[in-house]
Amino acid sequence: MALFRAVGSRQPRETAAAAERLLTAEARTSVRRAYAVAAGMLGYLAAGAPEDARALRQRNEPVEGRELSFLLSVLDAHARLE
């Protein structure tokens, strides 16, 4: 719920932190992991920390889940441009 609260409140650092906690504790299914990685990357990118977004993605490879594969590809590209 902390992740959804942070996303809803548009708090990028809190979103990234909540995603990181979720990934280390609870995100066991591929869809949950993919969502948490995407939310964390978005949080870091919105906070102006593309290097943290890239690091989050690298720590959580591979991320499966076709539902978010396009979004993750876009986030990867954006994190590399910053």
C-alpha atoms as a PDB file:
ATOM      1  CA  MET A   1       0.000   0.000   0.000  1.00  0.00           C
ATOM      2  CA  ALA A   2       2.929   2.353   0.636  1.00  0.00           C
ATOM      3  CA  LEU A   3       3.839   2.187  -3.047  1.00  0.00           C
ATOM      4  CA  PHE A   4       0.322   3.087  -4.150  1.00  0.00           C
ATOM      5  CA  ARG A   5       0.180   5.938  -1.613  1.00  0.00           C
ATOM      6  CA  ALA A   6       3.471   7.373  -2.863  1.00  0.00           C
ATOM      7  CA  VAL A   7       2.434   7.085  -6.516  1.00  0.00           C
ATOM      8  CA  GLY A   8      -0.943   8.673  -5.757  1.00  0.00           C
ATOM      9  CA  SER A   9       0.708  11.508  -3.849  1.00  0.00           C
ATOM     10  CA  ARG A  10       3.171  12.097  -6.696  1.00  0.00           C
ATOM     11  CA  GLN A  11       6.166  11.768  -4.418  1.00  0.00           C
ATOM     12  CA  PRO A  12       8.994  10.475  -6.619  1.00  0.00           C
ATOM     13  CA  ARG A  13      11.570   9.666  -3.926  1.00  0.00           C
ATOM     14  CA  GLU A  14       8.966   7.955  -1.752  1.00  0.00           C
ATOM     15  CA  THR A  15       7.742   5.999  -4.792  1.00  0.00           C
ATOM     16  CA  ALA A  16      11.252   4.768  -5.522  1.00  0.00           C
ATOM     17  CA  ALA A  17      11.876   3.867  -1.869  1.00  0.00           C
ATOM     18  CA  ALA A  18       8.585   1.990  -1.568  1.00  0.00           C
ATOM     19  CA  ALA A  19       9.333   0.101  -4.793  1.00  0.00           C
ATOM     20  CA  GLU A  20      12.775  -0.856  -3.507  1.00  0.00           C
ATOM     21  CA  ARG A  21      11.258  -2.178  -0.258  1.00  0.00           C
ATOM     22  CA  LEU A  22       8.659  -4.144  -2.182  1.00  0.00           C
ATOM     23  CA  LEU A  23      11.299  -5.699  -4.412  1.00  0.00           C
ATOM     24  CA  THR A  24      13.383  -6.869  -1.464  1.00  0.00           C
ATOM     25  CA  ALA A  25      10.471  -8.141   0.594  1.00  0.00           C
ATOM     26  CA  GLU A  26       7.358  -9.113  -1.284  1.00  0.00           C
ATOM     27  CA  ALA A  27       7.451  -8.898  -5.066  1.00  0.00           C
ATOM     28  CA  ARG A  28       7.648 -12.565  -5.913  1.00  0.00           C
ATOM     29  CA  THR A  29       5.453 -12.821  -9.000  1.00  0.00           C
ATOM     30  CA  SER A  30       6.716 -11.518 -12.316  1.00  0.00           C
ATOM     31  CA  VAL A  31       3.902  -8.986 -12.694  1.00  0.00           C
ATOM     32  CA  ARG A  32       4.462  -7.548  -9.217  1.00  0.00           C
ATOM     33  CA  ARG A  33       8.197  -7.350  -9.788  1.00  0.00           C
ATOM     34  CA  ALA A  34       7.748  -5.670 -13.162  1.00  0.00           C
ATOM     35  CA  TYR A  35       5.319  -3.133 -11.682  1.00  0.00           C
ATOM     36  CA  ALA A  36       7.638  -2.382  -8.765  1.00  0.00           C
ATOM     37  CA  VAL A  37      10.644  -1.957 -11.072  1.00  0.00           C
ATOM     38  CA  ALA A  38       8.673   0.361 -13.366  1.00  0.00           C
ATOM     39  CA  ALA A  39       7.331   2.422 -10.449  1.00  0.00           C
ATOM     40  CA  GLY A  40      10.775   2.663  -8.889  1.00  0.00           C
ATOM     41  CA  MET A  41      12.378   3.699 -12.151  1.00  0.00           C
ATOM     42  CA  LEU A  42       9.697   6.328 -12.708  1.00  0.00           C
ATOM     43  CA  GLY A  43      10.230   7.631  -9.194  1.00  0.00           C
ATOM     44  CA  TYR A  44      13.962   7.952  -9.692  1.00  0.00           C
ATOM     45  CA  LEU A  45      13.574   9.544 -13.127  1.00  0.00           C
ATOM     46  CA  ALA A  46      11.026  12.052 -11.803  1.00  0.00           C
ATOM     47  CA  ALA A  47      13.414  12.874  -8.962  1.00  0.00           C
ATOM     48  CA  GLY A  48      16.195  13.575 -11.452  1.00  0.00           C
ATOM     49  CA  ALA A  49      18.218  10.477 -10.592  1.00  0.00           C
ATOM     50  CA  PRO A  50      18.571   8.459 -13.819  1.00  0.00           C
ATOM     51  CA  GLU A  51      21.640   6.643 -12.478  1.00  0.00           C
ATOM     52  CA  ASP A  52      19.507   5.266  -9.637  1.00  0.00           C
ATOM     53  CA  ALA A  53      16.854   4.206 -12.153  1.00  0.00           C
ATOM     54  CA  ARG A  54      19.492   2.329 -14.166  1.00  0.00           C
ATOM     55  CA  ALA A  55      20.887   0.710 -11.013  1.00  0.00           C
ATOM     56  CA  LEU A  56      17.436  -0.423  -9.895  1.00  0.00           C
ATOM     57  CA  ARG A  57      16.820  -2.013 -13.276  1.00  0.00           C
ATOM     58  CA  GLN A  58      20.214  -3.731 -13.297  1.00  0.00           C
ATOM     59  CA  ARG A  59      19.735  -5.116  -9.773  1.00  0.00           C
ATOM     60  CA  ASN A  60      16.416  -6.601 -10.799  1.00  0.00           C
ATOM     61  CA  GLU A  61      17.298  -8.289 -14.090  1.00  0.00           C
ATOM     62  CA  PRO A  62      15.689 -10.129 -15.644  1.00  0.00           C
ATOM     63  CA  VAL A  63      12.216  -8.671 -15.282  1.00  0.00           C
ATOM     64  CA  GLU A  64       9.568 -10.787 -16.888  1.00  0.00           C
ATOM     65  CA  GLY A  65       6.006  -9.882 -17.658  1.00  0.00           C
ATOM     66  CA  ARG A  66       4.780  -8.975 -21.086  1.00  0.00           C
ATOM     67  CA  GLU A  67       2.232  -6.588 -19.585  1.00  0.00           C
ATOM     68  CA  LEU A  68       4.918  -4.023 -18.777  1.00  0.00           C
ATOM     69  CA  SER A  69       7.693  -4.911 -21.220  1.00  0.00           C
ATOM     70  CA  PHE A  70       7.067  -1.886 -23.461  1.00  0.00           C
ATOM     71  CA  LEU A  71       6.983   0.474 -20.486  1.00  0.00           C
ATOM     72  CA  LEU A  72      10.215  -0.970 -19.121  1.00  0.00           C
ATOM     73  CA  SER A  73      11.846  -0.550 -22.543  1.00  0.00           C
ATOM     74  CA  VAL A  74      10.821   3.103 -22.649  1.00  0.00           C
ATOM     75  CA  LEU A  75      12.081   3.659 -19.094  1.00  0.00           C
ATOM     76  CA  ASP A  76      15.388   1.973 -19.948  1.00  0.00           C
ATOM     77  CA  ALA A  77      15.836   4.301 -22.916  1.00  0.00           C
ATOM     78  CA  HIS A  78      14.906   7.364 -20.895  1.00  0.00           C
ATOM     79  CA  ALA A  79      17.296   6.449 -18.074  1.00  0.00           C
ATOM     80  CA  ARG A  80      20.128   6.177 -20.588  1.00  0.00           C
ATOM     81  CA  LEU A  81      19.378   9.600 -22.109  1.00  0.00           C
ATOM     82  CA  GLU A  82      19.640  11.504 -18.850  1.00  0.00           C
END
